[in-house]
Amino acid sequence: MNTDPAAIAAARQVLAHLGVTVTDLQSHPATPSVLPTIAEYLPRVVAAAGPGARRTYGTYGDRMAAAWPDRPLDTITASDFEALNRR
């Protein structure tokens, strides 16, 4: 694979701007962030909401919990909400 010299120069410039070296990147492997699932997160939302918000939005939370209990928050898309809304 031939790497574009301009891309390499741009990457070096960005790293320099961030104060990061290639060694820094190699010594700190990326760890995926693990977001909670809908079933884990919704109880926190409900606990933080006031009674009016629970009355207004509670049915939406119930529907999300029933449809996607094991899905991490970052896997749910706008089109998923649209599809849930059409049910």
PDB file of N, CA and C in Angstrom:
ATOM      1  N   MET A   1       0.848  -1.176   0.000  1.00  0.00           N
ATOM      2  CA  MET A   1       0.000   0.000   0.000  1.00  0.00           C
ATOM      3  C   MET A   1       0.890   1.234   0.000  1.00  0.00           C
ATOM      4  N   ASN A   2       0.665   2.106  -0.931  1.00  0.00           N
ATOM      5  CA  ASN A   2       1.396   3.371  -0.985  1.00  0.00           C
ATOM      6  C   ASN A   2       0.621   4.426  -0.230  1.00  0.00           C
ATOM      7  N   THR A   3       1.282   5.042   0.720  1.00  0.00           N
ATOM      8  CA  THR A   3       0.633   6.084   1.512  1.00  0.00           C
ATOM      9  C   THR A   3       0.952   7.433   0.916  1.00  0.00           C
ATOM     10  N   ASP A   4      -0.052   8.245   0.802  1.00  0.00           N
ATOM     11  CA  ASP A   4       0.093   9.595   0.241  1.00  0.00           C
ATOM     12  C   ASP A   4       0.974  10.429   1.175  1.00  0.00           C
ATOM     13  N   PRO A   5       2.093  10.959   0.663  1.00  0.00           N
ATOM     14  CA  PRO A   5       2.966  11.785   1.504  1.00  0.00           C
ATOM     15  C   PRO A   5       2.237  12.995   2.112  1.00  0.00           C
ATOM     16  N   ALA A   6       1.292  13.545   1.384  1.00  0.00           N
ATOM     17  CA  ALA A   6       0.543  14.689   1.911  1.00  0.00           C
ATOM     18  C   ALA A   6      -0.310  14.261   3.114  1.00  0.00           C
ATOM     19  N   ALA A   7      -0.863  13.057   3.073  1.00  0.00           N
ATOM     20  CA  ALA A   7      -1.660  12.560   4.193  1.00  0.00           C
ATOM     21  C   ALA A   7      -0.774  12.341   5.416  1.00  0.00           C
ATOM     22  N   ILE A   8       0.427  11.824   5.199  1.00  0.00           N
ATOM     23  CA  ILE A   8       1.366  11.623   6.304  1.00  0.00           C
ATOM     24  C   ILE A   8       1.735  12.968   6.929  1.00  0.00           C
ATOM     25  N   ALA A   9       2.023  13.943   6.089  1.00  0.00           N
ATOM     26  CA  ALA A   9       2.383  15.273   6.592  1.00  0.00           C
ATOM     27  C   ALA A   9       1.231  15.890   7.367  1.00  0.00           C
ATOM     28  N   ALA A  10       0.009  15.719   6.873  1.00  0.00           N
ATOM     29  CA  ALA A  10      -1.162  16.264   7.566  1.00  0.00           C
ATOM     30  C   ALA A  10      -1.357  15.581   8.918  1.00  0.00           C
ATOM     31  N   ALA A  11      -1.173  14.256   8.957  1.00  0.00           N
ATOM     32  CA  ALA A  11      -1.309  13.522  10.219  1.00  0.00           C
ATOM     33  C   ALA A  11      -0.258  13.984  11.220  1.00  0.00           C
ATOM     34  N   ARG A  12       0.972  14.169  10.758  1.00  0.00           N
ATOM     35  CA  ARG A  12       2.033  14.647  11.658  1.00  0.00           C
ATOM     36  C   ARG A  12       1.703  16.032  12.199  1.00  0.00           C
ATOM     37  N   GLN A  13       1.151  16.872  11.350  1.00  0.00           N
ATOM     38  CA  GLN A  13       0.803  18.225  11.773  1.00  0.00           C
ATOM     39  C   GLN A  13      -0.292  18.197  12.833  1.00  0.00           C
ATOM     40  N   VAL A  14      -1.297  17.365  12.632  1.00  0.00           N
ATOM     41  CA  VAL A  14      -2.373  17.255  13.611  1.00  0.00           C
ATOM     42  C   VAL A  14      -1.839  16.717  14.936  1.00  0.00           C
ATOM     43  N   LEU A  15      -1.005  15.667  14.865  1.00  0.00           N
ATOM     44  CA  LEU A  15      -0.433  15.106  16.087  1.00  0.00           C
ATOM     45  C   LEU A  15       0.399  16.144  16.830  1.00  0.00           C
ATOM     46  N   ALA A  16       1.198  16.899  16.083  1.00  0.00           N
ATOM     47  CA  ALA A  16       2.028  17.932  16.703  1.00  0.00           C
ATOM     48  C   ALA A  16       1.146  18.988  17.369  1.00  0.00           C
ATOM     49  N   HIS A  17       0.071  19.366  16.704  1.00  0.00           N
ATOM     50  CA  HIS A  17      -0.853  20.360  17.265  1.00  0.00           C
ATOM     51  C   HIS A  17      -1.481  19.849  18.566  1.00  0.00           C
ATOM     52  N   LEU A  18      -1.776  18.552  18.613  1.00  0.00           N
ATOM     53  CA  LEU A  18      -2.372  17.961  19.800  1.00  0.00           C
ATOM     54  C   LEU A  18      -1.349  17.641  20.885  1.00  0.00           C
ATOM     55  N   GLY A  19      -0.075  17.709  20.528  1.00  0.00           N
ATOM     56  CA  GLY A  19       0.971  17.362  21.482  1.00  0.00           C
ATOM     57  C   GLY A  19       1.081  15.862  21.713  1.00  0.00           C
ATOM     58  N   VAL A  20       0.749  15.096  20.687  1.00  0.00           N
ATOM     59  CA  VAL A  20       0.749  13.638  20.768  1.00  0.00           C
ATOM     60  C   VAL A  20       1.798  13.096  19.805  1.00  0.00           C
ATOM     61  N   THR A  21       2.522  12.081  20.257  1.00  0.00           N
ATOM     62  CA  THR A  21       3.508  11.431  19.382  1.00  0.00           C
ATOM     63  C   THR A  21       2.976  10.070  18.952  1.00  0.00           C
ATOM     64  N   VAL A  22       3.611   9.504  17.967  1.00  0.00           N
ATOM     65  CA  VAL A  22       3.252   8.155  17.531  1.00  0.00           C
ATOM     66  C   VAL A  22       3.481   7.178  18.675  1.00  0.00           C
ATOM     67  N   THR A  23       4.528   7.381  19.436  1.00  0.00           N
ATOM     68  CA  THR A  23       4.807   6.527  20.595  1.00  0.00           C
ATOM     69  C   THR A  23       3.666   6.602  21.603  1.00  0.00           C
ATOM     70  N   ASP A  24       3.113   7.802  21.810  1.00  0.00           N
ATOM     71  CA  ASP A  24       1.956   7.947  22.698  1.00  0.00           C
ATOM     72  C   ASP A  24       0.794   7.080  22.215  1.00  0.00           C
ATOM     73  N   LEU A  25       0.559   7.107  20.919  1.00  0.00           N
ATOM     74  CA  LEU A  25      -0.545   6.327  20.353  1.00  0.00           C
ATOM     75  C   LEU A  25      -0.305   4.836  20.513  1.00  0.00           C
ATOM     76  N   GLN A  26       0.931   4.420  20.338  1.00  0.00           N
ATOM     77  CA  GLN A  26       1.246   2.997  20.441  1.00  0.00           C
ATOM     78  C   GLN A  26       1.221   2.505  21.884  1.00  0.00           C
ATOM     79  N   SER A  27       1.567   3.365  22.824  1.00  0.00           N
ATOM     80  CA  SER A  27       1.617   2.935  24.217  1.00  0.00           C
ATOM     81  C   SER A  27       0.267   3.044  24.919  1.00  0.00           C
ATOM     82  N   HIS A  28      -0.689   3.660  24.285  1.00  0.00           N
ATOM     83  CA  HIS A  28      -2.040   3.778  24.843  1.00  0.00           C
ATOM     84  C   HIS A  28      -3.039   3.233  23.828  1.00  0.00           C
ATOM     85  N   PRO A  29      -3.189   1.923  23.768  1.00  0.00           N
ATOM     86  CA  PRO A  29      -4.115   1.365  22.776  1.00  0.00           C
ATOM     87  C   PRO A  29      -5.533   1.849  23.016  1.00  0.00           C
ATOM     88  N   ALA A  30      -6.249   1.978  21.946  1.00  0.00           N
ATOM     89  CA  ALA A  30      -7.634   2.441  22.043  1.00  0.00           C
ATOM     90  C   ALA A  30      -8.465   1.423  22.804  1.00  0.00           C
ATOM     91  N   THR A  31      -9.219   1.909  23.743  1.00  0.00           N
ATOM     92  CA  THR A  31     -10.149   1.042  24.459  1.00  0.00           C
ATOM     93  C   THR A  31     -11.551   1.516  24.117  1.00  0.00           C
ATOM     94  N   PRO A  32     -12.351   0.604  23.655  1.00  0.00           N
ATOM     95  CA  PRO A  32     -13.706   1.029  23.289  1.00  0.00           C
ATOM     96  C   PRO A  32     -14.480   1.464  24.530  1.00  0.00           C
ATOM     97  N   SER A  33     -15.196   2.554  24.378  1.00  0.00           N
ATOM     98  CA  SER A  33     -16.028   2.976  25.501  1.00  0.00           C
ATOM     99  C   SER A  33     -17.286   2.119  25.486  1.00  0.00           C
ATOM    100  N   VAL A  34     -17.684   1.694  26.626  1.00  0.00           N
ATOM    101  CA  VAL A  34     -18.858   0.847  26.735  1.00  0.00           C
ATOM    102  C   VAL A  34     -19.984   1.698  27.304  1.00  0.00           C
ATOM    103  N   LEU A  35     -20.960   1.938  26.473  1.00  0.00           N
ATOM    104  CA  LEU A  35     -22.111   2.720  26.913  1.00  0.00           C
ATOM    105  C   LEU A  35     -23.168   1.788  27.490  1.00  0.00           C
ATOM    106  N   PRO A  36     -23.973   2.300  28.390  1.00  0.00           N
ATOM    107  CA  PRO A  36     -25.017   1.448  28.963  1.00  0.00           C
ATOM    108  C   PRO A  36     -26.066   1.090  27.922  1.00  0.00           C
ATOM    109  N   THR A  37     -26.770   0.022  28.200  1.00  0.00           N
ATOM    110  CA  THR A  37     -27.892  -0.369  27.350  1.00  0.00           C
ATOM    111  C   THR A  37     -29.107   0.463  27.742  1.00  0.00           C
ATOM    112  N   ILE A  38     -30.123   0.377  26.923  1.00  0.00           N
ATOM    113  CA  ILE A  38     -31.377   1.082  27.224  1.00  0.00           C
ATOM    114  C   ILE A  38     -31.916   0.628  28.588  1.00  0.00           C
ATOM    115  N   ALA A  39     -31.887  -0.681  28.842  1.00  0.00           N
ATOM    116  CA  ALA A  39     -32.406  -1.201  30.109  1.00  0.00           C
ATOM    117  C   ALA A  39     -31.602  -0.692  31.307  1.00  0.00           C
ATOM    118  N   GLU A  40     -30.319  -0.450  31.110  1.00  0.00           N
ATOM    119  CA  GLU A  40     -29.486   0.065  32.196  1.00  0.00           C
ATOM    120  C   GLU A  40     -29.659   1.572  32.391  1.00  0.00           C
ATOM    121  N   TYR A  41     -29.888   2.285  31.299  1.00  0.00           N
ATOM    122  CA  TYR A  41     -29.902   3.747  31.352  1.00  0.00           C
ATOM    123  C   TYR A  41     -31.265   4.336  31.705  1.00  0.00           C
ATOM    124  N   LEU A  42     -32.327   3.771  31.190  1.00  0.00           N
ATOM    125  CA  LEU A  42     -33.654   4.364  31.403  1.00  0.00           C
ATOM    126  C   LEU A  42     -34.027   4.514  32.879  1.00  0.00           C
ATOM    127  N   PRO A  43     -33.706   3.566  33.752  1.00  0.00           N
ATOM    128  CA  PRO A  43     -34.043   3.795  35.165  1.00  0.00           C
ATOM    129  C   PRO A  43     -33.377   5.053  35.733  1.00  0.00           C
ATOM    130  N   ARG A  44     -32.176   5.368  35.265  1.00  0.00           N
ATOM    131  CA  ARG A  44     -31.511   6.601  35.726  1.00  0.00           C
ATOM    132  C   ARG A  44     -32.255   7.840  35.228  1.00  0.00           C
ATOM    133  N   VAL A  45     -32.716   7.774  33.997  1.00  0.00           N
ATOM    134  CA  VAL A  45     -33.455   8.897  33.424  1.00  0.00           C
ATOM    135  C   VAL A  45     -34.755   9.097  34.192  1.00  0.00           C
ATOM    136  N   VAL A  46     -35.448   8.013  34.445  1.00  0.00           N
ATOM    137  CA  VAL A  46     -36.725   8.088  35.167  1.00  0.00           C
ATOM    138  C   VAL A  46     -36.508   8.642  36.576  1.00  0.00           C
ATOM    139  N   ALA A  47     -35.453   8.184  37.231  1.00  0.00           N
ATOM    140  CA  ALA A  47     -35.169   8.650  38.588  1.00  0.00           C
ATOM    141  C   ALA A  47     -34.849  10.140  38.624  1.00  0.00           C
ATOM    142  N   ALA A  48     -34.240  10.647  37.561  1.00  0.00           N
ATOM    143  CA  ALA A  48     -33.862  12.060  37.523  1.00  0.00           C
ATOM    144  C   ALA A  48     -35.005  12.960  37.058  1.00  0.00           C
ATOM    145  N   ALA A  49     -36.012  12.385  36.423  1.00  0.00           N
ATOM    146  CA  ALA A  49     -37.122  13.172  35.875  1.00  0.00           C
ATOM    147  C   ALA A  49     -38.135  13.506  36.958  1.00  0.00           C
ATOM    148  N   GLY A  50     -38.786  14.613  36.752  1.00  0.00           N
ATOM    149  CA  GLY A  50     -39.867  14.995  37.651  1.00  0.00           C
ATOM    150  C   GLY A  50     -41.138  14.263  37.291  1.00  0.00           C
ATOM    151  N   PRO A  51     -42.159  14.385  38.131  1.00  0.00           N
ATOM    152  CA  PRO A  51     -43.413  13.675  37.882  1.00  0.00           C
ATOM    153  C   PRO A  51     -44.067  14.052  36.556  1.00  0.00           C
ATOM    154  N   GLY A  52     -44.011  15.325  36.196  1.00  0.00           N
ATOM    155  CA  GLY A  52     -44.611  15.748  34.931  1.00  0.00           C
ATOM    156  C   GLY A  52     -43.918  15.124  33.731  1.00  0.00           C
ATOM    157  N   ALA A  53     -42.586  15.096  33.765  1.00  0.00           N
ATOM    158  CA  ALA A  53     -41.824  14.491  32.671  1.00  0.00           C
ATOM    159  C   ALA A  53     -42.093  12.992  32.609  1.00  0.00           C
ATOM    160  N   ARG A  54     -42.206  12.356  33.756  1.00  0.00           N
ATOM    161  CA  ARG A  54     -42.500  10.912  33.762  1.00  0.00           C
ATOM    162  C   ARG A  54     -43.869  10.635  33.158  1.00  0.00           C
ATOM    163  N   ARG A  55     -44.843  11.490  33.486  1.00  0.00           N
ATOM    164  CA  ARG A  55     -46.181  11.316  32.892  1.00  0.00           C
ATOM    165  C   ARG A  55     -46.142  11.539  31.388  1.00  0.00           C
ATOM    166  N   THR A  56     -45.434  12.561  30.958  1.00  0.00           N
ATOM    167  CA  THR A  56     -45.406  12.920  29.540  1.00  0.00           C
ATOM    168  C   THR A  56     -44.599  11.933  28.713  1.00  0.00           C
ATOM    169  N   TYR A  57     -43.431  11.545  29.210  1.00  0.00           N
ATOM    170  CA  TYR A  57     -42.506  10.747  28.402  1.00  0.00           C
ATOM    171  C   TYR A  57     -42.388   9.296  28.832  1.00  0.00           C
ATOM    172  N   GLY A  58     -43.063   8.920  29.891  1.00  0.00           N
ATOM    173  CA  GLY A  58     -42.934   7.564  30.413  1.00  0.00           C
ATOM    174  C   GLY A  58     -43.272   6.475  29.412  1.00  0.00           C
ATOM    175  N   THR A  59     -44.310   6.688  28.624  1.00  0.00           N
ATOM    176  CA  THR A  59     -44.689   5.656  27.652  1.00  0.00           C
ATOM    177  C   THR A  59     -43.608   5.462  26.594  1.00  0.00           C
ATOM    178  N   TYR A  60     -42.903   6.527  26.252  1.00  0.00           N
ATOM    179  CA  TYR A  60     -41.809   6.397  25.282  1.00  0.00           C
ATOM    180  C   TYR A  60     -40.689   5.535  25.850  1.00  0.00           C
ATOM    181  N   GLY A  61     -40.368   5.771  27.110  1.00  0.00           N
ATOM    182  CA  GLY A  61     -39.341   4.952  27.760  1.00  0.00           C
ATOM    183  C   GLY A  61     -39.755   3.495  27.831  1.00  0.00           C
ATOM    184  N   ASP A  62     -41.011   3.253  28.136  1.00  0.00           N
ATOM    185  CA  ASP A  62     -41.510   1.876  28.196  1.00  0.00           C
ATOM    186  C   ASP A  62     -41.381   1.195  26.839  1.00  0.00           C
ATOM    187  N   ARG A  63     -41.717   1.917  25.783  1.00  0.00           N
ATOM    188  CA  ARG A  63     -41.624   1.342  24.435  1.00  0.00           C
ATOM    189  C   ARG A  63     -40.182   1.066  24.042  1.00  0.00           C
ATOM    190  N   MET A  64     -39.266   1.986  24.394  1.00  0.00           N
ATOM    191  CA  MET A  64     -37.851   1.763  24.084  1.00  0.00           C
ATOM    192  C   MET A  64     -37.314   0.571  24.868  1.00  0.00           C
ATOM    193  N   ALA A  65     -37.683   0.475  26.133  1.00  0.00           N
ATOM    194  CA  ALA A  65     -37.211  -0.636  26.964  1.00  0.00           C
ATOM    195  C   ALA A  65     -37.715  -1.973  26.429  1.00  0.00           C
ATOM    196  N   ALA A  66     -38.941  -1.992  25.916  1.00  0.00           N
ATOM    197  CA  ALA A  66     -39.490  -3.232  25.363  1.00  0.00           C
ATOM    198  C   ALA A  66     -38.850  -3.588  24.016  1.00  0.00           C
ATOM    199  N   ALA A  67     -38.566  -2.572  23.212  1.00  0.00           N
ATOM    200  CA  ALA A  67     -38.023  -2.822  21.871  1.00  0.00           C
ATOM    201  C   ALA A  67     -36.524  -3.089  21.861  1.00  0.00           C
ATOM    202  N   TRP A  68     -35.767  -2.385  22.696  1.00  0.00           N
ATOM    203  CA  TRP A  68     -34.301  -2.445  22.620  1.00  0.00           C
ATOM    204  C   TRP A  68     -33.630  -2.608  23.994  1.00  0.00           C
ATOM    205  N   PRO A  69     -34.046  -3.497  24.829  1.00  0.00           N
ATOM    206  CA  PRO A  69     -33.485  -3.532  26.188  1.00  0.00           C
ATOM    207  C   PRO A  69     -31.976  -3.764  26.240  1.00  0.00           C
ATOM    208  N   ASP A  70     -31.447  -4.544  25.329  1.00  0.00           N
ATOM    209  CA  ASP A  70     -30.026  -4.908  25.385  1.00  0.00           C
ATOM    210  C   ASP A  70     -29.145  -4.101  24.440  1.00  0.00           C
ATOM    211  N   ARG A  71     -29.706  -3.102  23.788  1.00  0.00           N
ATOM    212  CA  ARG A  71     -28.908  -2.312  22.838  1.00  0.00           C
ATOM    213  C   ARG A  71     -28.202  -1.168  23.546  1.00  0.00           C
ATOM    214  N   PRO A  72     -26.887  -1.016  23.302  1.00  0.00           N
ATOM    215  CA  PRO A  72     -26.173   0.146  23.859  1.00  0.00           C
ATOM    216  C   PRO A  72     -26.734   1.436  23.257  1.00  0.00           C
ATOM    217  N   LEU A  73     -26.648   2.508  24.010  1.00  0.00           N
ATOM    218  CA  LEU A  73     -27.221   3.786  23.578  1.00  0.00           C
ATOM    219  C   LEU A  73     -26.692   4.254  22.232  1.00  0.00           C
ATOM    220  N   ASP A  74     -25.416   4.009  21.954  1.00  0.00           N
ATOM    221  CA  ASP A  74     -24.840   4.526  20.710  1.00  0.00           C
ATOM    222  C   ASP A  74     -25.190   3.696  19.482  1.00  0.00           C
ATOM    223  N   THR A  75     -25.991   2.653  19.631  1.00  0.00           N
ATOM    224  CA  THR A  75     -26.371   1.851  18.465  1.00  0.00           C
ATOM    225  C   THR A  75     -27.764   2.185  17.959  1.00  0.00           C
ATOM    226  N   ILE A  76     -28.463   3.042  18.650  1.00  0.00           N
ATOM    227  CA  ILE A  76     -29.829   3.383  18.260  1.00  0.00           C
ATOM    228  C   ILE A  76     -29.784   4.628  17.379  1.00  0.00           C
ATOM    229  N   THR A  77     -30.418   4.517  16.230  1.00  0.00           N
ATOM    230  CA  THR A  77     -30.381   5.598  15.239  1.00  0.00           C
ATOM    231  C   THR A  77     -31.727   6.309  15.147  1.00  0.00           C
ATOM    232  N   ALA A  78     -31.706   7.421  14.458  1.00  0.00           N
ATOM    233  CA  ALA A  78     -32.950   8.176  14.241  1.00  0.00           C
ATOM    234  C   ALA A  78     -33.967   7.321  13.495  1.00  0.00           C
ATOM    235  N   SER A  79     -33.501   6.510  12.550  1.00  0.00           N
ATOM    236  CA  SER A  79     -34.441   5.665  11.808  1.00  0.00           C
ATOM    237  C   SER A  79     -35.043   4.589  12.720  1.00  0.00           C
ATOM    238  N   ASP A  80     -34.311   4.160  13.752  1.00  0.00           N
ATOM    239  CA  ASP A  80     -34.896   3.226  14.725  1.00  0.00           C
ATOM    240  C   ASP A  80     -36.060   3.895  15.454  1.00  0.00           C
ATOM    241  N   PHE A  81     -35.884   5.152  15.841  1.00  0.00           N
ATOM    242  CA  PHE A  81     -36.966   5.884  16.510  1.00  0.00           C
ATOM    243  C   PHE A  81     -38.150   6.058  15.578  1.00  0.00           C
ATOM    244  N   GLU A  82     -37.875   6.361  14.318  1.00  0.00           N
ATOM    245  CA  GLU A  82     -38.963   6.499  13.338  1.00  0.00           C
ATOM    246  C   GLU A  82     -39.739   5.204  13.219  1.00  0.00           C
ATOM    247  N   ALA A  83     -39.025   4.082  13.128  1.00  0.00           N
ATOM    248  CA  ALA A  83     -39.697   2.770  13.008  1.00  0.00           C
ATOM    249  C   ALA A  83     -40.494   2.475  14.264  1.00  0.00           C
ATOM    250  N   LEU A  84     -39.964   2.788  15.428  1.00  0.00           N
ATOM    251  CA  LEU A  84     -40.695   2.549  16.673  1.00  0.00           C
ATOM    252  C   LEU A  84     -41.947   3.420  16.732  1.00  0.00           C
ATOM    253  N   ASN A  85     -41.854   4.622  16.228  1.00  0.00           N
ATOM    254  CA  ASN A  85     -42.981   5.541  16.215  1.00  0.00           C
ATOM    255  C   ASN A  85     -44.108   5.031  15.312  1.00  0.00           C
ATOM    256  N   ARG A  86     -43.765   4.275  14.265  1.00  0.00           N
ATOM    257  CA  ARG A  86     -44.773   3.779  13.327  1.00  0.00           C
ATOM    258  C   ARG A  86     -45.491   2.543  13.830  1.00  0.00           C
ATOM    259  N   ARG A  87     -44.994   1.924  14.894  1.00  0.00           N
ATOM    260  CA  ARG A  87     -45.616   0.690  15.404  1.00  0.00           C
ATOM    261  C   ARG A  87     -46.938   0.985  16.056  1.00  0.00           C
TER     262      ARG A  87
END
